[in-house]
Amino acid sequence: MTVTRKEIRLVVLDRDGVINHDSEAFIKSPREWLPLDGSIEAIALLSRNGFTVAVASNQSGIGRQLMQRSALHATHRKMRRAVRAAGGKIDRVVYCPHLPDDQCDCRKPAPGMLRRLGKHYGVPLRGVPVIGDSERDLAAARAVDARPILVLTGNGRKTKDALDTQGQAVEHYEDLLVAAKVLVSETH
């Protein structure tokens, strides 16, 4: 008998400004992590409808020595607990701890974190929804031929205005919950 791996329907989310409120001073502790309205419900909706939800987030606060990895992991535990309590699951969280000038291949707009997720799940990234609030999220998605989706929370409105000025159209939604509902509707 041949066992085939269940088909993965992956969606990748940025964290700050998409799932939770962003801060110019960085989210340095679980106490500072506050979900955006509807974001936890959105992740639960995706999970219940067969999506594997992963998070890919630049976290240069570590490289800047503004927080310890233990605080970041505690923050991610809080986020995952909130999603679990709503009936959903964040399957995997990857992050880049590097500074913008470190020349790493993982800090968005570089696609390293997305490639890592594709390799982990054994799936091609072509067409995988990657939801973010900044140009660097969209650029990372484009670099791996994923489906860049902008939400207008966090830096999203400013990002959309900049893209509009450049004449660049992008798939966009008011927030993560609206984006999740669209993705779920596409599967039915």
C-alpha atoms as a PDB file:
ATOM      1  CA  MET A   1       0.000   0.000   0.000  1.00  0.00           C
ATOM      2  CA  THR A   2       1.346   3.412  -0.959  1.00  0.00           C
ATOM      3  CA  VAL A   3       0.759   6.223   1.463  1.00  0.00           C
ATOM      4  CA  THR A   4       0.499   9.612  -0.199  1.00  0.00           C
ATOM      5  CA  ARG A   5       1.106  12.800   1.647  1.00  0.00           C
ATOM      6  CA  LYS A   6      -2.043  14.833   2.157  1.00  0.00           C
ATOM      7  CA  GLU A   7      -2.120  17.798  -0.195  1.00  0.00           C
ATOM      8  CA  ILE A   8      -1.046  20.918   1.633  1.00  0.00           C
ATOM      9  CA  ARG A   9      -3.010  24.096   0.995  1.00  0.00           C
ATOM     10  CA  LEU A  10      -0.507  26.561   2.425  1.00  0.00           C
ATOM     11  CA  VAL A  11      -1.110  30.222   3.275  1.00  0.00           C
ATOM     12  CA  VAL A  12       1.703  32.376   4.679  1.00  0.00           C
ATOM     13  CA  LEU A  13       0.997  35.393   6.867  1.00  0.00           C
ATOM     14  CA  ASP A  14       3.181  38.255   7.959  1.00  0.00           C
ATOM     15  CA  ARG A  15       2.749  38.940  11.674  1.00  0.00           C
ATOM     16  CA  ASP A  16       3.014  42.603  12.701  1.00  0.00           C
ATOM     17  CA  GLY A  17       0.355  44.729  11.050  1.00  0.00           C
ATOM     18  CA  VAL A  18      -1.476  41.662   9.702  1.00  0.00           C
ATOM     19  CA  ILE A  19      -2.242  39.498  12.749  1.00  0.00           C
ATOM     20  CA  ASN A  20      -1.423  41.979  15.509  1.00  0.00           C
ATOM     21  CA  HIS A  21      -1.003  45.714  15.990  1.00  0.00           C
ATOM     22  CA  ASP A  22       2.411  46.904  14.876  1.00  0.00           C
ATOM     23  CA  SER A  23       4.662  49.238  16.848  1.00  0.00           C
ATOM     24  CA  GLU A  24       7.484  51.527  15.711  1.00  0.00           C
ATOM     25  CA  ALA A  25       9.117  50.559  19.021  1.00  0.00           C
ATOM     26  CA  PHE A  26       8.788  46.830  18.129  1.00  0.00           C
ATOM     27  CA  ILE A  27       6.665  44.202  19.874  1.00  0.00           C
ATOM     28  CA  LYS A  28       9.128  43.126  22.566  1.00  0.00           C
ATOM     29  CA  SER A  29       7.010  40.988  24.890  1.00  0.00           C
ATOM     30  CA  PRO A  30       3.809  38.950  24.990  1.00  0.00           C
ATOM     31  CA  ARG A  31       2.185  41.808  26.909  1.00  0.00           C
ATOM     32  CA  GLU A  32       2.730  44.121  23.920  1.00  0.00           C
ATOM     33  CA  TRP A  33       1.270  41.642  21.426  1.00  0.00           C
ATOM     34  CA  LEU A  34      -2.338  42.683  20.732  1.00  0.00           C
ATOM     35  CA  PRO A  35      -4.321  41.012  17.950  1.00  0.00           C
ATOM     36  CA  LEU A  36      -6.071  43.087  15.320  1.00  0.00           C
ATOM     37  CA  ASP A  37      -9.860  42.825  15.231  1.00  0.00           C
ATOM     38  CA  GLY A  38     -10.890  39.719  13.309  1.00  0.00           C
ATOM     39  CA  SER A  39      -7.368  38.367  12.762  1.00  0.00           C
ATOM     40  CA  ILE A  40      -7.634  35.436  15.171  1.00  0.00           C
ATOM     41  CA  GLU A  41     -11.042  34.553  13.727  1.00  0.00           C
ATOM     42  CA  ALA A  42      -9.505  34.747  10.223  1.00  0.00           C
ATOM     43  CA  ILE A  43      -6.770  32.243  11.062  1.00  0.00           C
ATOM     44  CA  ALA A  44      -9.312  29.911  12.659  1.00  0.00           C
ATOM     45  CA  LEU A  45     -11.497  30.187   9.537  1.00  0.00           C
ATOM     46  CA  LEU A  46      -8.561  29.296   7.294  1.00  0.00           C
ATOM     47  CA  SER A  47      -7.621  26.353   9.526  1.00  0.00           C
ATOM     48  CA  ARG A  48     -11.149  24.966   9.669  1.00  0.00           C
ATOM     49  CA  ASN A  49     -11.317  25.113   5.874  1.00  0.00           C
ATOM     50  CA  GLY A  50      -8.234  23.023   5.205  1.00  0.00           C
ATOM     51  CA  PHE A  51      -5.516  25.657   4.990  1.00  0.00           C
ATOM     52  CA  THR A  52      -2.159  25.104   6.633  1.00  0.00           C
ATOM     53  CA  VAL A  53      -1.311  28.464   8.175  1.00  0.00           C
ATOM     54  CA  ALA A  54       2.314  29.538   8.555  1.00  0.00           C
ATOM     55  CA  VAL A  55       3.751  32.852   9.711  1.00  0.00           C
ATOM     56  CA  ALA A  56       6.911  34.439   8.264  1.00  0.00           C
ATOM     57  CA  SER A  57       8.038  37.559  10.078  1.00  0.00           C
ATOM     58  CA  ASN A  58      11.005  39.929  10.099  1.00  0.00           C
ATOM     59  CA  GLN A  59      12.007  40.326  13.760  1.00  0.00           C
ATOM     60  CA  SER A  60      15.038  42.616  13.741  1.00  0.00           C
ATOM     61  CA  GLY A  61      14.290  43.549  17.350  1.00  0.00           C
ATOM     62  CA  ILE A  62      16.445  40.539  18.182  1.00  0.00           C
ATOM     63  CA  GLY A  63      19.352  41.787  16.081  1.00  0.00           C
ATOM     64  CA  ARG A  64      18.890  45.249  17.587  1.00  0.00           C
ATOM     65  CA  GLN A  65      19.063  43.641  21.045  1.00  0.00           C
ATOM     66  CA  LEU A  66      15.668  45.087  21.970  1.00  0.00           C
ATOM     67  CA  MET A  67      14.349  41.644  22.906  1.00  0.00           C
ATOM     68  CA  GLN A  68      15.534  38.152  23.631  1.00  0.00           C
ATOM     69  CA  ARG A  69      14.569  35.124  21.572  1.00  0.00           C
ATOM     70  CA  SER A  70      12.815  33.771  24.670  1.00  0.00           C
ATOM     71  CA  ALA A  71      10.475  36.801  24.652  1.00  0.00           C
ATOM     72  CA  LEU A  72       9.788  36.309  20.952  1.00  0.00           C
ATOM     73  CA  HIS A  73       8.988  32.619  21.499  1.00  0.00           C
ATOM     74  CA  ALA A  74       6.713  33.525  24.426  1.00  0.00           C
ATOM     75  CA  THR A  75       4.934  36.044  22.190  1.00  0.00           C
ATOM     76  CA  HIS A  76       4.431  33.380  19.537  1.00  0.00           C
ATOM     77  CA  ARG A  77       3.069  30.979  22.168  1.00  0.00           C
ATOM     78  CA  LYS A  78       0.518  33.656  23.169  1.00  0.00           C
ATOM     79  CA  MET A  79      -0.459  34.144  19.507  1.00  0.00           C
ATOM     80  CA  ARG A  80      -0.830  30.404  18.935  1.00  0.00           C
ATOM     81  CA  ARG A  81      -2.889  29.959  22.138  1.00  0.00           C
ATOM     82  CA  ALA A  82      -5.279  32.717  21.014  1.00  0.00           C
ATOM     83  CA  VAL A  83      -5.722  31.026  17.639  1.00  0.00           C
ATOM     84  CA  ARG A  84      -6.198  27.594  19.261  1.00  0.00           C
ATOM     85  CA  ALA A  85      -8.839  29.027  21.609  1.00  0.00           C
ATOM     86  CA  ALA A  86     -10.728  30.222  18.503  1.00  0.00           C
ATOM     87  CA  GLY A  87     -10.582  26.750  16.952  1.00  0.00           C
ATOM     88  CA  GLY A  88      -7.661  27.310  14.591  1.00  0.00           C
ATOM     89  CA  LYS A  89      -3.995  26.491  14.299  1.00  0.00           C
ATOM     90  CA  ILE A  90      -0.801  28.212  13.264  1.00  0.00           C
ATOM     91  CA  ASP A  91       1.227  25.281  12.050  1.00  0.00           C
ATOM     92  CA  ARG A  92       4.649  26.932  11.812  1.00  0.00           C
ATOM     93  CA  VAL A  93       6.312  30.258  12.617  1.00  0.00           C
ATOM     94  CA  VAL A  94       9.572  31.297  10.973  1.00  0.00           C
ATOM     95  CA  TYR A  95      11.329  34.579  11.583  1.00  0.00           C
ATOM     96  CA  CYS A  96      14.386  36.526  10.540  1.00  0.00           C
ATOM     97  CA  PRO A  97      16.325  38.000  13.496  1.00  0.00           C
ATOM     98  CA  HIS A  98      18.751  39.953  11.306  1.00  0.00           C
ATOM     99  CA  LEU A  99      19.207  43.686  10.850  1.00  0.00           C
ATOM    100  CA  PRO A 100      18.302  45.300   7.516  1.00  0.00           C
ATOM    101  CA  ASP A 101      22.001  45.739   6.626  1.00  0.00           C
ATOM    102  CA  ASP A 102      23.014  42.137   7.446  1.00  0.00           C
ATOM    103  CA  GLN A 103      22.636  40.973   3.816  1.00  0.00           C
ATOM    104  CA  CYS A 104      20.895  37.743   4.862  1.00  0.00           C
ATOM    105  CA  ASP A 105      18.698  35.755   2.501  1.00  0.00           C
ATOM    106  CA  CYS A 106      15.809  35.473   4.941  1.00  0.00           C
ATOM    107  CA  ARG A 107      14.839  39.068   5.733  1.00  0.00           C
ATOM    108  CA  LYS A 108      11.936  40.108   3.546  1.00  0.00           C
ATOM    109  CA  PRO A 109      11.996  41.295   0.760  1.00  0.00           C
ATOM    110  CA  ALA A 110      14.435  38.378   0.333  1.00  0.00           C
ATOM    111  CA  PRO A 111      12.471  35.139  -0.107  1.00  0.00           C
ATOM    112  CA  GLY A 112      14.499  32.888   2.230  1.00  0.00           C
ATOM    113  CA  MET A 113      11.767  32.363   4.825  1.00  0.00           C
ATOM    114  CA  LEU A 114       9.223  31.513   2.142  1.00  0.00           C
ATOM    115  CA  ARG A 115      11.624  29.056   0.522  1.00  0.00           C
ATOM    116  CA  ARG A 116      12.214  27.463   3.931  1.00  0.00           C
ATOM    117  CA  LEU A 117       8.474  26.997   4.376  1.00  0.00           C
ATOM    118  CA  GLY A 118       8.100  25.542   0.879  1.00  0.00           C
ATOM    119  CA  LYS A 119      10.909  23.084   1.580  1.00  0.00           C
ATOM    120  CA  HIS A 120       9.490  22.176   5.005  1.00  0.00           C
ATOM    121  CA  TYR A 121       6.069  21.386   3.555  1.00  0.00           C
ATOM    122  CA  GLY A 122       7.424  19.908   0.334  1.00  0.00           C
ATOM    123  CA  VAL A 123       5.222  22.168  -1.794  1.00  0.00           C
ATOM    124  CA  PRO A 124       5.956  24.505  -4.669  1.00  0.00           C
ATOM    125  CA  LEU A 125       5.289  28.126  -3.746  1.00  0.00           C
ATOM    126  CA  ARG A 126       3.745  29.094  -7.073  1.00  0.00           C
ATOM    127  CA  GLY A 127       0.352  30.623  -6.312  1.00  0.00           C
ATOM    128  CA  VAL A 128       0.598  30.184  -2.526  1.00  0.00           C
ATOM    129  CA  PRO A 129      -1.171  33.145  -0.878  1.00  0.00           C
ATOM    130  CA  VAL A 130       1.301  35.330   1.032  1.00  0.00           C
ATOM    131  CA  ILE A 131      -0.522  38.005   3.008  1.00  0.00           C
ATOM    132  CA  GLY A 132       1.306  41.091   4.235  1.00  0.00           C
ATOM    133  CA  ASP A 133       1.006  44.796   4.875  1.00  0.00           C
ATOM    134  CA  SER A 134       4.226  46.069   3.293  1.00  0.00           C
ATOM    135  CA  GLU A 135       5.990  46.175  -0.059  1.00  0.00           C
ATOM    136  CA  ARG A 136       8.690  43.841   1.274  1.00  0.00           C
ATOM    137  CA  ASP A 137       6.078  41.140   1.994  1.00  0.00           C
ATOM    138  CA  LEU A 138       4.753  41.454  -1.557  1.00  0.00           C
ATOM    139  CA  ALA A 139       8.267  41.460  -3.066  1.00  0.00           C
ATOM    140  CA  ALA A 140       9.193  38.257  -1.203  1.00  0.00           C
ATOM    141  CA  ALA A 141       5.998  36.619  -2.506  1.00  0.00           C
ATOM    142  CA  ARG A 142       6.723  37.707  -6.087  1.00  0.00           C
ATOM    143  CA  ALA A 143      10.304  36.397  -5.841  1.00  0.00           C
ATOM    144  CA  VAL A 144       8.990  32.829  -5.410  1.00  0.00           C
ATOM    145  CA  ASP A 145       6.005  33.226  -7.766  1.00  0.00           C
ATOM    146  CA  ALA A 146       3.583  33.110  -4.831  1.00  0.00           C
ATOM    147  CA  ARG A 147       0.330  35.104  -4.734  1.00  0.00           C
ATOM    148  CA  PRO A 148       0.999  38.460  -3.044  1.00  0.00           C
ATOM    149  CA  ILE A 149      -1.990  39.777  -1.104  1.00  0.00           C
ATOM    150  CA  LEU A 150      -2.006  43.129   0.686  1.00  0.00           C
ATOM    151  CA  VAL A 151      -4.162  43.857   3.718  1.00  0.00           C
ATOM    152  CA  LEU A 152      -4.890  47.493   4.528  1.00  0.00           C
ATOM    153  CA  THR A 153      -4.155  47.111   8.235  1.00  0.00           C
ATOM    154  CA  GLY A 154      -0.776  48.014   9.745  1.00  0.00           C
ATOM    155  CA  ASN A 155       1.233  49.718   6.988  1.00  0.00           C
ATOM    156  CA  GLY A 156      -1.154  48.433   4.319  1.00  0.00           C
ATOM    157  CA  ARG A 157      -2.898  51.699   3.425  1.00  0.00           C
ATOM    158  CA  LYS A 158       0.423  53.503   3.105  1.00  0.00           C
ATOM    159  CA  THR A 159       1.752  50.612   1.011  1.00  0.00           C
ATOM    160  CA  LYS A 160      -1.290  50.670  -1.273  1.00  0.00           C
ATOM    161  CA  ASP A 161      -0.967  54.444  -1.749  1.00  0.00           C
ATOM    162  CA  ALA A 162       2.715  54.040  -2.689  1.00  0.00           C
ATOM    163  CA  LEU A 163       1.914  51.237  -5.137  1.00  0.00           C
ATOM    164  CA  ASP A 164      -0.946  53.271  -6.647  1.00  0.00           C
ATOM    165  CA  THR A 165       1.461  56.179  -7.177  1.00  0.00           C
ATOM    166  CA  GLN A 166       3.837  53.784  -8.975  1.00  0.00           C
ATOM    167  CA  GLY A 167       0.988  52.448 -11.102  1.00  0.00           C
ATOM    168  CA  GLN A 168       1.250  48.972  -9.569  1.00  0.00           C
ATOM    169  CA  ALA A 169      -1.951  47.075  -8.932  1.00  0.00           C
ATOM    170  CA  VAL A 170      -2.051  44.466  -6.176  1.00  0.00           C
ATOM    171  CA  GLU A 171      -4.726  42.175  -4.823  1.00  0.00           C
ATOM    172  CA  HIS A 172      -5.812  43.810  -1.572  1.00  0.00           C
ATOM    173  CA  TYR A 173      -8.421  43.482   1.147  1.00  0.00           C
ATOM    174  CA  GLU A 174      -9.517  45.566   4.109  1.00  0.00           C
ATOM    175  CA  ASP A 175      -8.086  43.125   6.659  1.00  0.00           C
ATOM    176  CA  LEU A 176      -7.066  39.524   7.254  1.00  0.00           C
ATOM    177  CA  LEU A 177     -10.623  38.364   7.909  1.00  0.00           C
ATOM    178  CA  VAL A 178     -11.849  39.643   4.534  1.00  0.00           C
ATOM    179  CA  ALA A 179      -8.821  38.066   2.806  1.00  0.00           C
ATOM    180  CA  ALA A 180      -9.470  34.758   4.599  1.00  0.00           C
ATOM    181  CA  LYS A 181     -13.122  34.757   3.538  1.00  0.00           C
ATOM    182  CA  VAL A 182     -12.075  35.288  -0.093  1.00  0.00           C
ATOM    183  CA  LEU A 183      -9.531  32.439   0.066  1.00  0.00           C
ATOM    184  CA  VAL A 184     -12.082  30.097   1.646  1.00  0.00           C
ATOM    185  CA  SER A 185     -14.714  31.023  -0.953  1.00  0.00           C
ATOM    186  CA  GLU A 186     -12.266  30.085  -3.714  1.00  0.00           C
ATOM    187  CA  THR A 187     -12.042  26.530  -2.390  1.00  0.00           C
ATOM    188  CA  HIS A 188     -15.787  25.841  -2.480  1.00  0.00           C
END
